[in-house]
Structures are given as structure tokens and as C-alpha cells.
N, C-alpha and C. Protein backbone atom coordinates (compact mmCIF):
# COMPACT_ATOMS: atom_id res chain seq x y z
N MET A 1 3.03 -4.62 -13.51
CA MET A 1 3.30 -5.70 -12.59
C MET A 1 2.67 -6.97 -13.16
N LYS A 2 3.41 -8.06 -13.07
CA LYS A 2 2.92 -9.34 -13.58
C LYS A 2 1.65 -9.75 -12.84
N ILE A 3 0.71 -10.30 -13.59
CA ILE A 3 -0.57 -10.72 -13.00
C ILE A 3 -0.36 -11.81 -11.95
N GLU A 4 0.60 -12.70 -12.15
CA GLU A 4 0.85 -13.75 -11.16
C GLU A 4 1.29 -13.16 -9.82
N ILE A 5 2.04 -12.07 -9.89
CA ILE A 5 2.50 -11.41 -8.66
C ILE A 5 1.33 -10.72 -7.98
N LYS A 6 0.50 -10.04 -8.75
CA LYS A 6 -0.69 -9.42 -8.16
C LYS A 6 -1.57 -10.48 -7.50
N ASN A 7 -1.77 -11.60 -8.17
CA ASN A 7 -2.60 -12.67 -7.60
C ASN A 7 -2.01 -13.21 -6.30
N ALA A 8 -0.69 -13.35 -6.26
CA ALA A 8 -0.03 -13.83 -5.05
C ALA A 8 -0.19 -12.81 -3.92
N ILE A 9 -0.12 -11.53 -4.25
CA ILE A 9 -0.31 -10.49 -3.24
C ILE A 9 -1.74 -10.54 -2.71
N PHE A 10 -2.71 -10.75 -3.62
CA PHE A 10 -4.10 -10.90 -3.17
C PHE A 10 -4.21 -12.07 -2.20
N GLU A 11 -3.52 -13.17 -2.50
CA GLU A 11 -3.55 -14.33 -1.62
C GLU A 11 -2.93 -13.99 -0.26
N MET A 12 -1.82 -13.28 -0.27
CA MET A 12 -1.16 -12.89 0.98
C MET A 12 -2.09 -12.05 1.84
N LEU A 13 -2.86 -11.19 1.21
CA LEU A 13 -3.72 -10.25 1.92
C LEU A 13 -5.18 -10.65 1.76
N SER A 14 -5.46 -11.94 1.71
CA SER A 14 -6.77 -12.46 1.31
C SER A 14 -7.94 -11.98 2.15
N ASP A 15 -7.72 -11.65 3.40
CA ASP A 15 -8.82 -11.18 4.24
C ASP A 15 -9.11 -9.70 4.03
N GLU A 16 -8.36 -9.09 3.18
CA GLU A 16 -8.47 -7.65 3.01
C GLU A 16 -9.11 -7.32 1.66
N ALA A 17 -10.41 -7.13 1.62
CA ALA A 17 -11.13 -6.91 0.37
C ALA A 17 -10.71 -5.62 -0.34
N THR A 18 -10.28 -4.63 0.40
CA THR A 18 -9.92 -3.35 -0.22
C THR A 18 -8.65 -3.43 -1.05
N VAL A 19 -7.89 -4.48 -0.90
CA VAL A 19 -6.62 -4.61 -1.62
C VAL A 19 -6.84 -4.62 -3.12
N ILE A 20 -7.87 -5.28 -3.57
CA ILE A 20 -8.13 -5.38 -5.01
C ILE A 20 -8.31 -4.00 -5.60
N ASP A 21 -9.06 -3.15 -4.95
CA ASP A 21 -9.26 -1.79 -5.44
C ASP A 21 -7.96 -1.00 -5.47
N LEU A 22 -7.10 -1.22 -4.50
CA LEU A 22 -5.86 -0.46 -4.39
C LEU A 22 -4.89 -0.76 -5.52
N CYS A 23 -4.86 -1.99 -5.99
CA CYS A 23 -3.80 -2.35 -6.93
C CYS A 23 -4.21 -2.29 -8.39
N ASP A 24 -5.45 -2.01 -8.69
CA ASP A 24 -5.90 -2.04 -10.08
C ASP A 24 -5.06 -1.17 -11.00
N THR A 25 -4.62 -0.04 -10.53
CA THR A 25 -3.85 0.87 -11.38
C THR A 25 -2.41 1.02 -10.93
N ALA A 26 -1.99 0.22 -9.98
CA ALA A 26 -0.65 0.38 -9.39
C ALA A 26 0.44 -0.07 -10.35
N GLU A 27 1.47 0.74 -10.44
CA GLU A 27 2.65 0.42 -11.24
C GLU A 27 3.83 0.03 -10.36
N ASP A 28 3.65 0.16 -9.06
CA ASP A 28 4.72 -0.19 -8.13
C ASP A 28 4.12 -0.90 -6.91
N PHE A 29 4.86 -1.00 -5.84
CA PHE A 29 4.42 -1.74 -4.67
C PHE A 29 4.09 -0.84 -3.48
N THR A 30 4.01 0.45 -3.70
CA THR A 30 3.69 1.38 -2.62
C THR A 30 2.38 1.01 -1.94
N TRP A 31 1.38 0.65 -2.71
CA TRP A 31 0.07 0.30 -2.17
C TRP A 31 0.16 -0.90 -1.22
N VAL A 32 1.07 -1.84 -1.51
CA VAL A 32 1.22 -3.01 -0.64
C VAL A 32 1.72 -2.57 0.73
N PHE A 33 2.79 -1.76 0.73
CA PHE A 33 3.38 -1.33 1.99
C PHE A 33 2.46 -0.38 2.76
N ASP A 34 1.73 0.47 2.06
CA ASP A 34 0.74 1.32 2.73
C ASP A 34 -0.30 0.46 3.44
N HIS A 35 -0.78 -0.54 2.73
CA HIS A 35 -1.81 -1.42 3.30
C HIS A 35 -1.28 -2.24 4.47
N VAL A 36 -0.09 -2.79 4.32
CA VAL A 36 0.50 -3.59 5.39
C VAL A 36 0.73 -2.73 6.63
N LYS A 37 1.25 -1.53 6.44
CA LYS A 37 1.51 -0.65 7.59
C LYS A 37 0.22 -0.30 8.31
N SER A 38 -0.84 -0.10 7.56
CA SER A 38 -2.14 0.24 8.16
C SER A 38 -2.79 -0.94 8.88
N ASN A 39 -2.37 -2.15 8.53
CA ASN A 39 -2.97 -3.36 9.09
C ASN A 39 -1.92 -4.28 9.71
N ALA A 40 -0.90 -3.68 10.29
CA ALA A 40 0.27 -4.43 10.76
C ALA A 40 -0.09 -5.53 11.76
N GLU A 41 -0.90 -5.23 12.73
CA GLU A 41 -1.22 -6.23 13.75
C GLU A 41 -1.91 -7.45 13.16
N GLN A 42 -2.86 -7.22 12.26
CA GLN A 42 -3.60 -8.33 11.66
C GLN A 42 -2.73 -9.17 10.74
N LEU A 43 -1.72 -8.57 10.14
CA LEU A 43 -0.93 -9.26 9.12
C LEU A 43 0.37 -9.87 9.64
N ARG A 44 0.82 -9.47 10.81
CA ARG A 44 2.12 -9.89 11.33
C ARG A 44 2.26 -11.42 11.36
N THR A 45 1.33 -12.13 11.92
CA THR A 45 1.42 -13.59 12.02
C THR A 45 1.36 -14.25 10.66
N ARG A 46 0.50 -13.78 9.81
CA ARG A 46 0.37 -14.37 8.48
C ARG A 46 1.69 -14.32 7.72
N PHE A 47 2.38 -13.21 7.77
CA PHE A 47 3.62 -13.08 7.01
C PHE A 47 4.77 -13.86 7.63
N LYS A 48 4.67 -14.23 8.89
CA LYS A 48 5.71 -15.03 9.52
C LYS A 48 5.57 -16.51 9.19
N THR A 49 4.35 -16.96 8.94
CA THR A 49 4.12 -18.40 8.86
C THR A 49 3.83 -18.93 7.47
N GLU A 50 3.49 -18.10 6.52
CA GLU A 50 3.08 -18.61 5.22
C GLU A 50 4.15 -18.40 4.17
N SER A 51 4.19 -19.31 3.21
CA SER A 51 4.99 -19.12 2.01
C SER A 51 4.06 -19.37 0.83
N TYR A 52 4.48 -18.98 -0.34
CA TYR A 52 3.59 -19.01 -1.50
C TYR A 52 4.26 -19.66 -2.68
N ASN A 53 3.54 -20.58 -3.29
CA ASN A 53 3.97 -21.19 -4.54
C ASN A 53 3.09 -20.61 -5.62
N THR A 54 3.68 -20.09 -6.65
CA THR A 54 2.91 -19.47 -7.71
C THR A 54 2.69 -20.50 -8.82
N THR A 55 2.86 -20.12 -10.04
CA THR A 55 2.49 -20.95 -11.18
C THR A 55 3.56 -21.95 -11.61
N GLY A 56 4.63 -22.07 -10.87
CA GLY A 56 5.72 -22.95 -11.29
C GLY A 56 6.84 -22.18 -11.97
N ASP A 57 6.63 -20.90 -12.23
CA ASP A 57 7.66 -20.03 -12.77
C ASP A 57 8.62 -19.69 -11.63
N TYR A 58 9.84 -20.16 -11.74
CA TYR A 58 10.80 -20.03 -10.63
C TYR A 58 11.06 -18.58 -10.24
N LYS A 59 11.20 -17.70 -11.22
CA LYS A 59 11.47 -16.30 -10.90
C LYS A 59 10.32 -15.67 -10.12
N THR A 60 9.09 -15.97 -10.54
CA THR A 60 7.93 -15.41 -9.85
C THR A 60 7.82 -15.95 -8.44
N THR A 61 8.00 -17.26 -8.28
CA THR A 61 7.96 -17.87 -6.94
C THR A 61 9.04 -17.26 -6.05
N PHE A 62 10.24 -17.11 -6.60
CA PHE A 62 11.35 -16.50 -5.86
C PHE A 62 11.01 -15.08 -5.42
N PHE A 63 10.48 -14.29 -6.34
CA PHE A 63 10.16 -12.91 -6.05
C PHE A 63 9.06 -12.80 -5.00
N VAL A 64 7.99 -13.56 -5.17
CA VAL A 64 6.85 -13.48 -4.25
C VAL A 64 7.27 -13.87 -2.84
N ASN A 65 8.05 -14.93 -2.70
CA ASN A 65 8.49 -15.33 -1.37
C ASN A 65 9.50 -14.35 -0.79
N GLY A 66 10.30 -13.73 -1.64
CA GLY A 66 11.19 -12.66 -1.18
C GLY A 66 10.40 -11.46 -0.70
N LEU A 67 9.35 -11.10 -1.42
CA LEU A 67 8.47 -10.01 -1.00
C LEU A 67 7.83 -10.32 0.34
N ARG A 68 7.37 -11.56 0.51
CA ARG A 68 6.78 -11.97 1.78
C ARG A 68 7.79 -11.83 2.91
N ALA A 69 9.03 -12.25 2.67
CA ALA A 69 10.07 -12.16 3.70
C ALA A 69 10.41 -10.70 4.02
N ILE A 70 10.46 -9.86 3.01
CA ILE A 70 10.72 -8.43 3.23
C ILE A 70 9.61 -7.82 4.07
N ILE A 71 8.36 -8.15 3.75
CA ILE A 71 7.24 -7.61 4.53
C ILE A 71 7.29 -8.11 5.96
N ALA A 72 7.59 -9.40 6.16
CA ALA A 72 7.67 -9.96 7.51
C ALA A 72 8.76 -9.26 8.33
N THR A 73 9.91 -9.03 7.72
CA THR A 73 11.00 -8.33 8.41
C THR A 73 10.62 -6.90 8.72
N TRP A 74 9.97 -6.24 7.79
CA TRP A 74 9.53 -4.86 7.98
C TRP A 74 8.54 -4.79 9.14
N LEU A 75 7.61 -5.75 9.19
CA LEU A 75 6.66 -5.80 10.30
C LEU A 75 7.39 -6.04 11.62
N ASP A 76 8.35 -6.96 11.63
CA ASP A 76 9.12 -7.24 12.85
C ASP A 76 9.86 -6.01 13.34
N ASN A 77 10.28 -5.17 12.42
CA ASN A 77 11.01 -3.94 12.76
C ASN A 77 10.08 -2.78 13.07
N GLY A 78 8.79 -3.03 13.13
CA GLY A 78 7.84 -1.99 13.48
C GLY A 78 7.51 -1.04 12.35
N CYS A 79 7.73 -1.46 11.12
CA CYS A 79 7.44 -0.63 9.93
C CYS A 79 8.11 0.74 10.04
N THR A 80 9.35 0.75 10.52
CA THR A 80 10.03 2.02 10.76
C THR A 80 10.55 2.67 9.48
N GLU A 81 10.95 1.86 8.51
CA GLU A 81 11.42 2.45 7.25
C GLU A 81 10.22 3.03 6.49
N PRO A 82 10.43 4.14 5.81
CA PRO A 82 9.32 4.74 5.06
C PRO A 82 8.85 3.82 3.93
N VAL A 83 7.56 3.92 3.63
CA VAL A 83 6.96 3.13 2.55
C VAL A 83 7.73 3.34 1.25
N CYS A 84 8.12 4.56 0.95
CA CYS A 84 8.82 4.83 -0.31
C CYS A 84 10.16 4.09 -0.37
N GLN A 85 10.84 3.95 0.76
CA GLN A 85 12.11 3.21 0.78
C GLN A 85 11.86 1.72 0.53
N MET A 86 10.82 1.17 1.14
CA MET A 86 10.49 -0.24 0.93
C MET A 86 10.10 -0.48 -0.52
N ASN A 87 9.35 0.44 -1.09
CA ASN A 87 8.97 0.31 -2.50
C ASN A 87 10.21 0.33 -3.40
N GLU A 88 11.16 1.20 -3.11
CA GLU A 88 12.39 1.27 -3.91
C GLU A 88 13.15 -0.06 -3.88
N ILE A 89 13.24 -0.66 -2.72
CA ILE A 89 13.94 -1.95 -2.59
C ILE A 89 13.26 -3.01 -3.45
N VAL A 90 11.95 -3.11 -3.32
CA VAL A 90 11.20 -4.14 -4.05
C VAL A 90 11.21 -3.86 -5.55
N MET A 91 11.03 -2.62 -5.95
CA MET A 91 11.03 -2.28 -7.38
C MET A 91 12.39 -2.57 -8.02
N ARG A 92 13.47 -2.31 -7.29
CA ARG A 92 14.81 -2.59 -7.81
C ARG A 92 14.94 -4.09 -8.13
N GLU A 93 14.49 -4.93 -7.22
CA GLU A 93 14.58 -6.38 -7.44
C GLU A 93 13.61 -6.85 -8.51
N TYR A 94 12.42 -6.28 -8.53
CA TYR A 94 11.44 -6.61 -9.56
C TYR A 94 12.00 -6.30 -10.94
N ASN A 95 12.59 -5.14 -11.08
CA ASN A 95 13.15 -4.74 -12.38
C ASN A 95 14.30 -5.63 -12.81
N LYS A 96 15.11 -6.08 -11.86
CA LYS A 96 16.21 -6.99 -12.20
C LYS A 96 15.68 -8.30 -12.75
N LEU A 97 14.58 -8.78 -12.21
CA LEU A 97 14.04 -10.08 -12.61
C LEU A 97 13.13 -10.02 -13.84
N PHE A 98 12.35 -8.96 -13.96
CA PHE A 98 11.25 -8.99 -14.93
C PHE A 98 11.29 -7.92 -16.03
N VAL A 99 12.18 -6.94 -15.91
CA VAL A 99 12.20 -5.87 -16.92
C VAL A 99 13.41 -6.01 -17.82
């Protein structure tokens, strides 16, 4: 995973110190959705109101804000889709852009 994307995820989840430990070895986004689902109430408002500008790389900015929108929609839907399904959606788009 690109370091800029990891940094943006840290920013999205900035009040959550455990996030850094979770992603150190992550090759996918499962850890993000596990963490969001476990902290849905605390994160719901943040994902509805914030957007993120990364380093000026258009693809990274596009991806990070798309990830934020996906998480916000997932939270709005009560996190009903399984984490593995959400990871598959995000990984498919990540691979299209960056692999």
C-alpha cells in the first residue's frame, strides 16, 4: 500500500492510536474496515464531514476521498456488508489505479 494512502488513513482515524499498529504489516484494507466497524459511532460524523487532500498526486487524492466516501456509505448502511466484501471493492479499485 502506498505510504501516502496509509498516512491519509491515519489522518482519517487520527484519534485512534491503535490504527498505526494495525496497518504496519497490512497488504490490504481489511484492517481499516475492521477498525471502522468496531468504532462506528465515534467515526460516523467524521467520515460524513471531512475530505482529504494528499500530496497533490491526483490518483492518490481521488482514491483516498473515494475510500472516505465508501466508508461513510458503509457506516450509513449500518456496516451490514461483510468486511471481506468491502476490502474486495477497495482492493479492486486500488489495483486499477496503482498496480
